[in-house]
PDB file of all heavy atoms in Angstrom:
ATOM      1  N   MET A   1     107.454 113.008 116.404  1.00  0.00           N
ATOM      2  CA  MET A   1     106.127 113.511 116.071  1.00  0.00           C
ATOM      3  C   MET A   1     106.048 115.013 116.318  1.00  0.00           C
ATOM      4  O   MET A   1     105.240 115.716 115.713  1.00  0.00           O
ATOM      5  CB  MET A   1     105.052 112.792 116.887  1.00  0.00           C
ATOM      6  CG  MET A   1     104.847 111.335 116.504  1.00  0.00           C
ATOM      7  SD  MET A   1     104.275 111.107 114.790  1.00  0.00           S
ATOM      8  CE  MET A   1     102.590 111.712 114.888  1.00  0.00           C
ATOM      9  N   ARG A   2     106.925 115.512 117.203  1.00  0.00           N
ATOM     10  CA  ARG A   2     106.901 116.931 117.563  1.00  0.00           C
ATOM     11  C   ARG A   2     108.150 117.683 117.127  1.00  0.00           C
ATOM     12  O   ARG A   2     108.205 118.908 117.280  1.00  0.00           O
ATOM     13  CB  ARG A   2     106.740 117.073 119.087  1.00  0.00           C
ATOM     14  CG  ARG A   2     105.367 116.666 119.596  1.00  0.00           C
ATOM     15  CD  ARG A   2     105.357 116.420 121.082  1.00  0.00           C
ATOM     16  NE  ARG A   2     106.150 115.239 121.429  1.00  0.00           N
ATOM     17  CZ  ARG A   2     105.706 113.993 121.348  1.00  0.00           C
ATOM     18  NH1 ARG A   2     104.469 113.768 120.938  1.00  0.00           N
ATOM     19  NH2 ARG A   2     106.475 112.979 121.672  1.00  0.00           N
ATOM     20  N   ASN A   3     109.139 116.955 116.599  1.00  0.00           N
ATOM     21  CA  ASN A   3     110.410 117.596 116.277  1.00  0.00           C
ATOM     22  C   ASN A   3     110.948 117.121 114.932  1.00  0.00           C
ATOM     23  O   ASN A   3     110.728 115.973 114.526  1.00  0.00           O
ATOM     24  CB  ASN A   3     111.455 117.306 117.371  1.00  0.00           C
ATOM     25  CG  ASN A   3     111.064 117.903 118.704  1.00  0.00           C
ATOM     26  OD1 ASN A   3     111.115 119.109 118.895  1.00  0.00           O
ATOM     27  ND2 ASN A   3     110.652 117.053 119.638  1.00  0.00           N
ATOM     28  N   ARG A   4     111.678 117.996 114.268  1.00  0.00           N
ATOM     29  CA  ARG A   4     112.338 117.664 113.010  1.00  0.00           C
ATOM     30  C   ARG A   4     113.788 117.284 113.289  1.00  0.00           C
ATOM     31  O   ARG A   4     114.358 117.589 114.336  1.00  0.00           O
ATOM     32  CB  ARG A   4     112.320 118.876 112.074  1.00  0.00           C
ATOM     33  CG  ARG A   4     110.967 119.416 111.793  1.00  0.00           C
ATOM     34  CD  ARG A   4     110.989 120.771 111.108  1.00  0.00           C
ATOM     35  NE  ARG A   4     111.601 120.738 109.791  1.00  0.00           N
ATOM     36  CZ  ARG A   4     111.470 121.705 108.895  1.00  0.00           C
ATOM     37  NH1 ARG A   4     110.738 122.776 109.177  1.00  0.00           N
ATOM     38  NH2 ARG A   4     112.044 121.613 107.718  1.00  0.00           N
ATOM     39  N   GLY A   5     114.403 116.627 112.310  1.00  0.00           N
ATOM     40  CA  GLY A   5     115.833 116.374 112.375  1.00  0.00           C
ATOM     41  C   GLY A   5     116.262 115.345 113.398  1.00  0.00           C
ATOM     42  O   GLY A   5     117.419 115.319 113.821  1.00  0.00           O
ATOM     43  N   THR A   6     115.363 114.463 113.816  1.00  0.00           N
ATOM     44  CA  THR A   6     115.733 113.406 114.762  1.00  0.00           C
ATOM     45  C   THR A   6     116.271 112.205 113.983  1.00  0.00           C
ATOM     46  O   THR A   6     116.064 112.091 112.765  1.00  0.00           O
ATOM     47  CB  THR A   6     114.525 112.982 115.615  1.00  0.00           C
ATOM     48  OG1 THR A   6     113.611 112.265 114.784  1.00  0.00           O
ATOM     49  CG2 THR A   6     113.831 114.185 116.241  1.00  0.00           C
ATOM     50  N   PRO A   7     116.956 111.271 114.651  1.00  0.00           N
ATOM     51  CA  PRO A   7     117.575 110.143 113.932  1.00  0.00           C
ATOM     52  C   PRO A   7     116.619 109.045 113.486  1.00  0.00           C
ATOM     53  O   PRO A   7     117.057 107.966 113.098  1.00  0.00           O
ATOM     54  CB  PRO A   7     118.595 109.608 114.937  1.00  0.00           C
ATOM     55  CG  PRO A   7     118.092 110.007 116.273  1.00  0.00           C
ATOM     56  CD  PRO A   7     117.398 111.326 116.064  1.00  0.00           C
ATOM     57  N   TRP A   8     115.313 109.294 113.480  1.00  0.00           N
ATOM     58  CA  TRP A   8     114.402 108.244 113.040  1.00  0.00           C
ATOM     59  C   TRP A   8     114.587 107.900 111.573  1.00  0.00           C
ATOM     60  O   TRP A   8     114.209 106.799 111.149  1.00  0.00           O
ATOM     61  CB  TRP A   8     112.954 108.626 113.332  1.00  0.00           C
ATOM     62  CG  TRP A   8     112.243 109.459 112.301  1.00  0.00           C
ATOM     63  CD1 TRP A   8     112.179 110.813 112.258  1.00  0.00           C
ATOM     64  CD2 TRP A   8     111.490 108.981 111.174  1.00  0.00           C
ATOM     65  NE1 TRP A   8     111.443 111.223 111.164  1.00  0.00           N
ATOM     66  CE2 TRP A   8     111.002 110.125 110.486  1.00  0.00           C
ATOM     67  CE3 TRP A   8     111.178 107.715 110.670  1.00  0.00           C
ATOM     68  CZ2 TRP A   8     110.230 110.035 109.328  1.00  0.00           C
ATOM     69  CZ3 TRP A   8     110.403 107.621 109.507  1.00  0.00           C
ATOM     70  CH2 TRP A   8     109.942 108.761 108.855  1.00  0.00           C
ATOM     71  N   THR A   9     115.193 108.793 110.792  1.00  0.00           N
ATOM     72  CA  THR A   9     115.365 108.538 109.361  1.00  0.00           C
ATOM     73  C   THR A   9     116.703 107.869 109.038  1.00  0.00           C
ATOM     74  O   THR A   9     117.097 107.820 107.873  1.00  0.00           O
ATOM     75  CB  THR A   9     115.256 109.854 108.571  1.00  0.00           C
ATOM     76  OG1 THR A   9     116.212 110.798 109.077  1.00  0.00           O
ATOM     77  CG2 THR A   9     113.868 110.450 108.692  1.00  0.00           C
ATOM     78  N   ARG A  10     117.388 107.356 110.033  1.00  0.00           N
ATOM     79  CA  ARG A  10     118.681 106.695 109.821  1.00  0.00           C
ATOM     80  C   ARG A  10     118.504 105.182 109.656  1.00  0.00           C
ATOM     81  O   ARG A  10     117.505 104.606 110.117  1.00  0.00           O
ATOM     82  CB  ARG A  10     119.628 107.000 110.983  1.00  0.00           C
ATOM     83  CG  ARG A  10     119.971 108.483 111.071  1.00  0.00           C
ATOM     84  CD  ARG A  10     120.834 108.924 109.910  1.00  0.00           C
ATOM     85  NE  ARG A  10     120.817 110.368 109.707  1.00  0.00           N
ATOM     86  CZ  ARG A  10     121.606 111.009 108.839  1.00  0.00           C
ATOM     87  NH1 ARG A  10     122.450 110.319 108.090  1.00  0.00           N
ATOM     88  NH2 ARG A  10     121.517 112.314 108.698  1.00  0.00           N
ATOM     89  N   PRO A  11     119.463 104.536 109.012  1.00  0.00           N
ATOM     90  CA  PRO A  11     119.373 103.070 108.858  1.00  0.00           C
ATOM     91  C   PRO A  11     119.213 102.382 110.211  1.00  0.00           C
ATOM     92  O   PRO A  11     119.866 102.759 111.194  1.00  0.00           O
ATOM     93  CB  PRO A  11     120.709 102.715 108.204  1.00  0.00           C
ATOM     94  CG  PRO A  11     121.129 103.953 107.483  1.00  0.00           C
ATOM     95  CD  PRO A  11     120.667 105.089 108.350  1.00  0.00           C
ATOM     96  N   GLY A  12     118.350 101.405 110.229  1.00  0.00           N
ATOM     97  CA  GLY A  12     118.060 100.703 111.476  1.00  0.00           C
ATOM     98  C   GLY A  12     116.909 101.313 112.243  1.00  0.00           C
ATOM     99  O   GLY A  12     116.302 100.644 113.094  1.00  0.00           O
ATOM    100  N   ASN A  13     116.611 102.588 111.987  1.00  0.00           N
ATOM    101  CA  ASN A  13     115.512 103.279 112.654  1.00  0.00           C
ATOM    102  C   ASN A  13     114.322 103.504 111.728  1.00  0.00           C
ATOM    103  O   ASN A  13     113.165 103.403 112.158  1.00  0.00           O
ATOM    104  CB  ASN A  13     115.970 104.650 113.182  1.00  0.00           C
ATOM    105  CG  ASN A  13     117.105 104.540 114.193  1.00  0.00           C
ATOM    106  OD1 ASN A  13     117.283 103.498 114.809  1.00  0.00           O
ATOM    107  ND2 ASN A  13     117.863 105.612 114.357  1.00  0.00           N
ATOM    108  N   LEU A  14     114.604 103.845 110.476  1.00  0.00           N
ATOM    109  CA  LEU A  14     113.541 104.225 109.551  1.00  0.00           C
ATOM    110  C   LEU A  14     112.640 103.032 109.235  1.00  0.00           C
ATOM    111  O   LEU A  14     113.110 101.962 108.861  1.00  0.00           O
ATOM    112  CB  LEU A  14     114.128 104.809 108.264  1.00  0.00           C
ATOM    113  CG  LEU A  14     113.123 105.425 107.293  1.00  0.00           C
ATOM    114  CD1 LEU A  14     113.728 106.635 106.585  1.00  0.00           C
ATOM    115  CD2 LEU A  14     112.640 104.422 106.238  1.00  0.00           C
ATOM    116  N   VAL A  15     111.359 103.255 109.360  1.00  0.00           N
ATOM    117  CA  VAL A  15     110.344 102.279 108.983  1.00  0.00           C
ATOM    118  C   VAL A  15     109.452 102.934 107.937  1.00  0.00           C
ATOM    119  O   VAL A  15     108.879 103.996 108.184  1.00  0.00           O
ATOM    120  CB  VAL A  15     109.512 101.830 110.202  1.00  0.00           C
ATOM    121  CG1 VAL A  15     108.326 100.981 109.770  1.00  0.00           C
ATOM    122  CG2 VAL A  15     110.390 101.064 111.179  1.00  0.00           C
ATOM    123  N   GLY A  16     109.352 102.330 106.765  1.00  0.00           N
ATOM    124  CA  GLY A  16     108.539 102.883 105.687  1.00  0.00           C
ATOM    125  C   GLY A  16     107.507 101.896 105.211  1.00  0.00           C
ATOM    126  O   GLY A  16     107.454 100.744 105.665  1.00  0.00           O
ATOM    127  N   ASN A  17     106.686 102.339 104.277  1.00  0.00           N
ATOM    128  CA  ASN A  17     105.674 101.456 103.697  1.00  0.00           C
ATOM    129  C   ASN A  17     105.879 101.284 102.202  1.00  0.00           C
ATOM    130  O   ASN A  17     104.986 100.803 101.498  1.00  0.00           O
ATOM    131  CB  ASN A  17     104.267 101.992 103.966  1.00  0.00           C
ATOM    132  CG  ASN A  17     103.949 103.247 103.155  1.00  0.00           C
ATOM    133  OD1 ASN A  17     104.795 104.134 103.021  1.00  0.00           O
ATOM    134  ND2 ASN A  17     102.742 103.343 102.612  1.00  0.00           N
ATOM    135  N   GLY A  18     107.056 101.687 101.693  1.00  0.00           N
ATOM    136  CA  GLY A  18     107.327 101.616 100.269  1.00  0.00           C
ATOM    137  C   GLY A  18     107.945 100.300  99.839  1.00  0.00           C
ATOM    138  O   GLY A  18     108.141  99.381 100.643  1.00  0.00           O
ATOM    139  N   PRO A  19     108.307 100.191  98.565  1.00  0.00           N
ATOM    140  CA  PRO A  19     108.832  98.927  98.037  1.00  0.00           C
ATOM    141  C   PRO A  19     110.261  98.613  98.473  1.00  0.00           C
ATOM    142  O   PRO A  19     110.727  97.500  98.264  1.00  0.00           O
ATOM    143  CB  PRO A  19     108.747  99.120  96.519  1.00  0.00           C
ATOM    144  CG  PRO A  19     108.789 100.596  96.324  1.00  0.00           C
ATOM    145  CD  PRO A  19     108.081 101.184  97.504  1.00  0.00           C
ATOM    146  N   PHE A  20     110.943  99.584  99.104  1.00  0.00           N
ATOM    147  CA  PHE A  20     112.309  99.365  99.556  1.00  0.00           C
ATOM    148  C   PHE A  20     112.478  99.898 100.974  1.00  0.00           C
ATOM    149  O   PHE A  20     111.681 100.714 101.445  1.00  0.00           O
ATOM    150  CB  PHE A  20     113.313 100.061  98.615  1.00  0.00           C
ATOM    151  CG  PHE A  20     113.325  99.484  97.227  1.00  0.00           C
ATOM    152  CD1 PHE A  20     112.438  99.938  96.259  1.00  0.00           C
ATOM    153  CD2 PHE A  20     114.213  98.472  96.886  1.00  0.00           C
ATOM    154  CE1 PHE A  20     112.422  99.394  94.977  1.00  0.00           C
ATOM    155  CE2 PHE A  20     114.216  97.926  95.612  1.00  0.00           C
ATOM    156  CZ  PHE A  20     113.315  98.387  94.655  1.00  0.00           C
ATOM    157  N   THR A  21     113.497  99.414 101.657  1.00  0.00           N
ATOM    158  CA  THR A  21     113.815  99.881 103.002  1.00  0.00           C
ATOM    159  C   THR A  21     115.243 100.416 103.023  1.00  0.00           C
ATOM    160  O   THR A  21     116.081 100.036 102.191  1.00  0.00           O
ATOM    161  CB  THR A  21     113.684  98.750 104.038  1.00  0.00           C
ATOM    162  OG1 THR A  21     114.607  97.702 103.715  1.00  0.00           O
ATOM    163  CG2 THR A  21     112.282  98.193 104.052  1.00  0.00           C
ATOM    164  N   LEU A  22     115.532 101.284 103.975  1.00  0.00           N
ATOM    165  CA  LEU A  22     116.834 101.943 104.057  1.00  0.00           C
ATOM    166  C   LEU A  22     117.868 100.998 104.664  1.00  0.00           C
ATOM    167  O   LEU A  22     117.714 100.530 105.784  1.00  0.00           O
ATOM    168  CB  LEU A  22     116.718 103.215 104.892  1.00  0.00           C
ATOM    169  CG  LEU A  22     117.971 104.086 104.991  1.00  0.00           C
ATOM    170  CD1 LEU A  22     118.370 104.633 103.620  1.00  0.00           C
ATOM    171  CD2 LEU A  22     117.733 105.236 105.976  1.00  0.00           C
ATOM    172  N   ALA A  23     118.944 100.734 103.922  1.00  0.00           N
ATOM    173  CA  ALA A  23     119.995  99.833 104.390  1.00  0.00           C
ATOM    174  C   ALA A  23     121.274 100.574 104.761  1.00  0.00           C
ATOM    175  O   ALA A  23     122.010 100.134 105.654  1.00  0.00           O
ATOM    176  CB  ALA A  23     120.310  98.800 103.305  1.00  0.00           C
ATOM    177  N   GLU A  24     121.558 101.681 104.088  1.00  0.00           N
ATOM    178  CA  GLU A  24     122.821 102.395 104.312  1.00  0.00           C
ATOM    179  C   GLU A  24     122.645 103.860 103.966  1.00  0.00           C
ATOM    180  O   GLU A  24     121.961 104.209 103.009  1.00  0.00           O
ATOM    181  CB  GLU A  24     123.930 101.791 103.430  1.00  0.00           C
ATOM    182  CG  GLU A  24     125.274 102.511 103.512  1.00  0.00           C
ATOM    183  CD  GLU A  24     126.274 102.025 102.472  1.00  0.00           C
ATOM    184  OE1 GLU A  24     126.012 100.977 101.841  1.00  0.00           O
ATOM    185  OE2 GLU A  24     127.296 102.703 102.272  1.00  0.00           O
ATOM    186  N   TRP A  25     123.254 104.716 104.771  1.00  0.00           N
ATOM    187  CA  TRP A  25     123.355 106.146 104.448  1.00  0.00           C
ATOM    188  C   TRP A  25     124.728 106.617 104.898  1.00  0.00           C
ATOM    189  O   TRP A  25     124.946 106.931 106.052  1.00  0.00           O
ATOM    190  CB  TRP A  25     122.247 106.938 105.125  1.00  0.00           C
ATOM    191  CG  TRP A  25     122.229 108.403 104.766  1.00  0.00           C
ATOM    192  CD1 TRP A  25     123.145 109.096 104.012  1.00  0.00           C
ATOM    193  CD2 TRP A  25     121.231 109.359 105.148  1.00  0.00           C
ATOM    194  NE1 TRP A  25     122.781 110.413 103.893  1.00  0.00           N
ATOM    195  CE2 TRP A  25     121.613 110.611 104.570  1.00  0.00           C
ATOM    196  CE3 TRP A  25     120.062 109.286 105.903  1.00  0.00           C
ATOM    197  CZ2 TRP A  25     120.850 111.771 104.769  1.00  0.00           C
ATOM    198  CZ3 TRP A  25     119.317 110.444 106.086  1.00  0.00           C
ATOM    199  CH2 TRP A  25     119.711 111.655 105.523  1.00  0.00           C
ATOM    200  N   THR A  26     125.654 106.586 103.982  1.00  0.00           N
ATOM    201  CA  THR A  26     127.006 107.079 104.234  1.00  0.00           C
ATOM    202  C   THR A  26     127.084 108.482 103.658  1.00  0.00           C
ATOM    203  O   THR A  26     127.071 108.655 102.432  1.00  0.00           O
ATOM    204  CB  THR A  26     128.058 106.176 103.573  1.00  0.00           C
ATOM    205  OG1 THR A  26     127.888 104.828 104.051  1.00  0.00           O
ATOM    206  CG2 THR A  26     129.463 106.662 103.893  1.00  0.00           C
ATOM    207  N   PRO A  27     127.159 109.519 104.508  1.00  0.00           N
ATOM    208  CA  PRO A  27     127.101 110.898 104.013  1.00  0.00           C
ATOM    209  C   PRO A  27     128.139 111.181 102.927  1.00  0.00           C
ATOM    210  O   PRO A  27     129.302 110.779 103.025  1.00  0.00           O
ATOM    211  CB  PRO A  27     127.372 111.732 105.274  1.00  0.00           C
ATOM    212  CG  PRO A  27     126.875 110.875 106.395  1.00  0.00           C
ATOM    213  CD  PRO A  27     127.221 109.474 105.986  1.00  0.00           C
ATOM    214  N   HIS A  28     127.661 111.841 101.872  1.00  0.00           N
ATOM    215  CA  HIS A  28     128.479 112.260 100.732  1.00  0.00           C
ATOM    216  C   HIS A  28     129.107 111.073  99.990  1.00  0.00           C
ATOM    217  O   HIS A  28     130.069 111.253  99.260  1.00  0.00           O
ATOM    218  CB  HIS A  28     129.572 113.239 101.177  1.00  0.00           C
ATOM    219  CG  HIS A  28     129.028 114.433 101.908  1.00  0.00           C
ATOM    220  ND1 HIS A  28     128.346 115.441 101.266  1.00  0.00           N
ATOM    221  CD2 HIS A  28     129.039 114.751 103.231  1.00  0.00           C
ATOM    222  CE1 HIS A  28     127.973 116.340 102.159  1.00  0.00           C
ATOM    223  NE2 HIS A  28     128.379 115.955 103.351  1.00  0.00           N
ATOM    224  N   ALA A  29     128.545 109.896 100.181  1.00  0.00           N
ATOM    225  CA  ALA A  29     129.059 108.714  99.474  1.00  0.00           C
ATOM    226  C   ALA A  29     127.927 107.938  98.807  1.00  0.00           C
ATOM    227  O   ALA A  29     127.918 107.771  97.589  1.00  0.00           O
ATOM    228  CB  ALA A  29     129.832 107.811 100.428  1.00  0.00           C
ATOM    229  N   ARG A  30     126.944 107.465  99.594  1.00  0.00           N
ATOM    230  CA  ARG A  30     125.845 106.711  99.002  1.00  0.00           C
ATOM    231  C   ARG A  30     124.693 106.562  99.988  1.00  0.00           C
ATOM    232  O   ARG A  30     124.899 106.603 101.219  1.00  0.00           O
ATOM    233  CB  ARG A  30     126.308 105.324  98.552  1.00  0.00           C
ATOM    234  CG  ARG A  30     126.273 104.258  99.633  1.00  0.00           C
ATOM    235  CD  ARG A  30     126.760 102.919  99.129  1.00  0.00           C
ATOM    236  NE  ARG A  30     128.195 102.936  98.946  1.00  0.00           N
ATOM    237  CZ  ARG A  30     128.855 102.239  98.020  1.00  0.00           C
ATOM    238  NH1 ARG A  30     128.178 101.483  97.188  1.00  0.00           N
ATOM    239  NH2 ARG A  30     130.158 102.302  97.922  1.00  0.00           N
ATOM    240  N   VAL A  31     123.503 106.369  99.428  1.00  0.00           N
ATOM    241  CA  VAL A  31     122.336 105.910 100.171  1.00  0.00           C
ATOM    242  C   VAL A  31     121.882 104.637  99.484  1.00  0.00           C
ATOM    243  O   VAL A  31     121.672 104.626  98.267  1.00  0.00           O
ATOM    244  CB  VAL A  31     121.198 106.958 100.169  1.00  0.00           C
ATOM    245  CG1 VAL A  31     119.948 106.373 100.808  1.00  0.00           C
ATOM    246  CG2 VAL A  31     121.629 108.230 100.894  1.00  0.00           C
ATOM    247  N   ALA A  32     121.769 103.555 100.239  1.00  0.00           N
ATOM    248  CA  ALA A  32     121.371 102.265  99.667  1.00  0.00           C
ATOM    249  C   ALA A  32     120.047 101.815 100.268  1.00  0.00           C
ATOM    250  O   ALA A  32     119.830 101.923 101.480  1.00  0.00           O
ATOM    251  CB  ALA A  32     122.446 101.214  99.919  1.00  0.00           C
ATOM    252  N   VAL A  33     119.171 101.331  99.398  1.00  0.00           N
ATOM    253  CA  VAL A  33     117.890 100.772  99.837  1.00  0.00           C
ATOM    254  C   VAL A  33     117.793  99.347  99.311  1.00  0.00           C
ATOM    255  O   VAL A  33     118.347  99.020  98.258  1.00  0.00           O
ATOM    256  CB  VAL A  33     116.701 101.622  99.343  1.00  0.00           C
ATOM    257  CG1 VAL A  33     116.816 103.050  99.857  1.00  0.00           C
ATOM    258  CG2 VAL A  33     116.599 101.626  97.819  1.00  0.00           C
ATOM    259  N   VAL A  34     117.103  98.487 100.054  1.00  0.00           N
ATOM    260  CA  VAL A  34     116.954  97.091  99.649  1.00  0.00           C
ATOM    261  C   VAL A  34     115.468  96.737  99.586  1.00  0.00           C
ATOM    262  O   VAL A  34     114.627  97.390 100.207  1.00  0.00           O
ATOM    263  CB  VAL A  34     117.683  96.132 100.619  1.00  0.00           C
ATOM    264  CG1 VAL A  34     119.184  96.386 100.593  1.00  0.00           C
ATOM    265  CG2 VAL A  34     117.143  96.281 102.045  1.00  0.00           C
ATOM    266  N   LYS A  35     115.170  95.710  98.843  1.00  0.00           N
ATOM    267  CA  LYS A  35     113.791  95.295  98.631  1.00  0.00           C
ATOM    268  C   LYS A  35     113.081  95.042  99.962  1.00  0.00           C
ATOM    269  O   LYS A  35     113.610  94.383 100.857  1.00  0.00           O
ATOM    270  CB  LYS A  35     113.776  94.030  97.775  1.00  0.00           C
ATOM    271  CG  LYS A  35     112.391  93.499  97.442  1.00  0.00           C
ATOM    272  CD  LYS A  35     112.480  92.298  96.516  1.00  0.00           C
ATOM    273  CE  LYS A  35     111.119  91.706  96.202  1.00  0.00           C
ATOM    274  NZ  LYS A  35     111.221  90.554  95.260  1.00  0.00           N
ATOM    275  N   ASN A  36     111.867  95.556 100.080  1.00  0.00           N
ATOM    276  CA  ASN A  36     111.049  95.392 101.277  1.00  0.00           C
ATOM    277  C   ASN A  36     110.135  94.175 101.096  1.00  0.00           C
ATOM    278  O   ASN A  36     109.171  94.228 100.324  1.00  0.00           O
ATOM    279  CB  ASN A  36     110.217  96.653 101.509  1.00  0.00           C
ATOM    280  CG  ASN A  36     109.249  96.517 102.678  1.00  0.00           C
ATOM    281  OD1 ASN A  36     109.324  95.574 103.466  1.00  0.00           O
ATOM    282  ND2 ASN A  36     108.328  97.468 102.784  1.00  0.00           N
ATOM    283  N   PRO A  37     110.393  93.068 101.787  1.00  0.00           N
ATOM    284  CA  PRO A  37     109.571  91.864 101.604  1.00  0.00           C
ATOM    285  C   PRO A  37     108.148  92.035 102.120  1.00  0.00           C
ATOM    286  O   PRO A  37     107.269  91.231 101.789  1.00  0.00           O
ATOM    287  CB  PRO A  37     110.331  90.805 102.400  1.00  0.00           C
ATOM    288  CG  PRO A  37     111.093  91.571 103.434  1.00  0.00           C
ATOM    289  CD  PRO A  37     111.464  92.868 102.792  1.00  0.00           C
ATOM    290  N   ARG A  38     107.908  93.095 102.918  1.00  0.00           N
ATOM    291  CA  ARG A  38     106.571  93.291 103.477  1.00  0.00           C
ATOM    292  C   ARG A  38     105.725  94.274 102.659  1.00  0.00           C
ATOM    293  O   ARG A  38     104.591  94.552 103.036  1.00  0.00           O
ATOM    294  CB  ARG A  38     106.681  93.768 104.928  1.00  0.00           C
ATOM    295  CG  ARG A  38     107.286  92.715 105.872  1.00  0.00           C
ATOM    296  CD  ARG A  38     107.161  93.157 107.317  1.00  0.00           C
ATOM    297  NE  ARG A  38     107.559  92.102 108.233  1.00  0.00           N
ATOM    298  CZ  ARG A  38     108.776  91.980 108.763  1.00  0.00           C
ATOM    299  NH1 ARG A  38     109.720  92.858 108.439  1.00  0.00           N
ATOM    300  NH2 ARG A  38     109.055  90.998 109.594  1.00  0.00           N
ATOM    301  N   TYR A  39     106.282  94.787 101.592  1.00  0.00           N
ATOM    302  CA  TYR A  39     105.507  95.667 100.710  1.00  0.00           C
ATOM    303  C   TYR A  39     104.352  94.868 100.118  1.00  0.00           C
ATOM    304  O   TYR A  39     104.498  93.683  99.781  1.00  0.00           O
ATOM    305  CB  TYR A  39     106.411  96.216  99.615  1.00  0.00           C
ATOM    306  CG  TYR A  39     105.735  97.108  98.608  1.00  0.00           C
ATOM    307  CD1 TYR A  39     105.131  98.299  99.010  1.00  0.00           C
ATOM    308  CD2 TYR A  39     105.707  96.767  97.252  1.00  0.00           C
ATOM    309  CE1 TYR A  39     104.510  99.128  98.082  1.00  0.00           C
ATOM    310  CE2 TYR A  39     105.091  97.596  96.321  1.00  0.00           C
ATOM    311  CZ  TYR A  39     104.492  98.769  96.736  1.00  0.00           C
ATOM    312  OH  TYR A  39     103.874  99.584  95.818  1.00  0.00           O
ATOM    313  N   TRP A  40     103.195  95.521  99.966  1.00  0.00           N
ATOM    314  CA  TRP A  40     101.982  94.795  99.558  1.00  0.00           C
ATOM    315  C   TRP A  40     102.128  94.112  98.202  1.00  0.00           C
ATOM    316  O   TRP A  40     101.457  93.113  97.938  1.00  0.00           O
ATOM    317  CB  TRP A  40     100.772  95.731  99.557  1.00  0.00           C
ATOM    318  CG  TRP A  40     100.830  96.839  98.538  1.00  0.00           C
ATOM    319  CD1 TRP A  40     101.326  98.095  98.728  1.00  0.00           C
ATOM    320  CD2 TRP A  40     100.394  96.782  97.180  1.00  0.00           C
ATOM    321  NE1 TRP A  40     101.235  98.837  97.573  1.00  0.00           N
ATOM    322  CE2 TRP A  40     100.649  98.053  96.600  1.00  0.00           C
ATOM    323  CE3 TRP A  40      99.802  95.787  96.385  1.00  0.00           C
ATOM    324  CZ2 TRP A  40     100.353  98.358  95.274  1.00  0.00           C
ATOM    325  CZ3 TRP A  40      99.502  96.091  95.059  1.00  0.00           C
ATOM    326  CH2 TRP A  40      99.770  97.354  94.515  1.00  0.00           C
ATOM    327  N   ASN A  41     103.012  94.620  97.336  1.00  0.00           N
ATOM    328  CA  ASN A  41     103.206  94.006  96.024  1.00  0.00           C
ATOM    329  C   ASN A  41     104.670  93.615  95.827  1.00  0.00           C
ATOM    330  O   ASN A  41     105.224  93.764  94.739  1.00  0.00           O
ATOM    331  CB  ASN A  41     102.753  94.974  94.932  1.00  0.00           C
ATOM    332  CG  ASN A  41     102.517  94.286  93.596  1.00  0.00           C
ATOM    333  OD1 ASN A  41     102.267  93.083  93.548  1.00  0.00           O
ATOM    334  ND2 ASN A  41     102.602  95.029  92.516  1.00  0.00           N
ATOM    335  N   ALA A  42     105.286  93.098  96.882  1.00  0.00           N
ATOM    336  CA  ALA A  42     106.710  92.765  96.838  1.00  0.00           C
ATOM    337  C   ALA A  42     107.034  91.734  95.756  1.00  0.00           C
ATOM    338  O   ALA A  42     108.130  91.757  95.184  1.00  0.00           O
ATOM    339  CB  ALA A  42     107.165  92.246  98.202  1.00  0.00           C
ATOM    340  N   ALA A  43     106.084  90.868  95.451  1.00  0.00           N
ATOM    341  CA  ALA A  43     106.344  89.822  94.450  1.00  0.00           C
ATOM    342  C   ALA A  43     106.645  90.408  93.079  1.00  0.00           C
ATOM    343  O   ALA A  43     107.326  89.779  92.262  1.00  0.00           O
ATOM    344  CB  ALA A  43     105.150  88.879  94.374  1.00  0.00           C
ATOM    345  N   ALA A  44     106.156  91.624  92.830  1.00  0.00           N
ATOM    346  CA  ALA A  44     106.368  92.247  91.527  1.00  0.00           C
ATOM    347  C   ALA A  44     107.624  93.126  91.482  1.00  0.00           C
ATOM    348  O   ALA A  44     108.013  93.587  90.406  1.00  0.00           O
ATOM    349  CB  ALA A  44     105.149  93.085  91.139  1.00  0.00           C
ATOM    350  N   THR A  45     108.241  93.364  92.622  1.00  0.00           N
ATOM    351  CA  THR A  45     109.463  94.181  92.670  1.00  0.00           C
ATOM    352  C   THR A  45     110.638  93.337  92.207  1.00  0.00           C
ATOM    353  O   THR A  45     110.960  92.323  92.834  1.00  0.00           O
ATOM    354  CB  THR A  45     109.709  94.711  94.092  1.00  0.00           C
ATOM    355  OG1 THR A  45     108.566  95.445  94.534  1.00  0.00           O
ATOM    356  CG2 THR A  45     110.940  95.605  94.135  1.00  0.00           C
ATOM    357  N   GLN A  46     111.282  93.757  91.143  1.00  0.00           N
ATOM    358  CA  GLN A  46     112.335  92.934  90.552  1.00  0.00           C
ATOM    359  C   GLN A  46     113.743  93.296  91.013  1.00  0.00           C
ATOM    360  O   GLN A  46     114.637  92.465  90.990  1.00  0.00           O
ATOM    361  CB  GLN A  46     112.252  93.030  89.020  1.00  0.00           C
ATOM    362  CG  GLN A  46     110.931  92.510  88.468  1.00  0.00           C
ATOM    363  CD  GLN A  46     110.922  92.442  86.962  1.00  0.00           C
ATOM    364  OE1 GLN A  46     111.795  91.845  86.346  1.00  0.00           O
ATOM    365  NE2 GLN A  46     109.927  93.069  86.356  1.00  0.00           N
TER     366      GLN A  46
END
């Protein structure tokens, strides 16, 4: 809340409110997100 660049945005730490959640972040290779079952309209996410 008071600092930038902390590990809260890493897989296992990041909590979002969007349709997907962070599953993997391999630097210079890939970032993978998976369907968020708690999203308010998850039933429509294909």
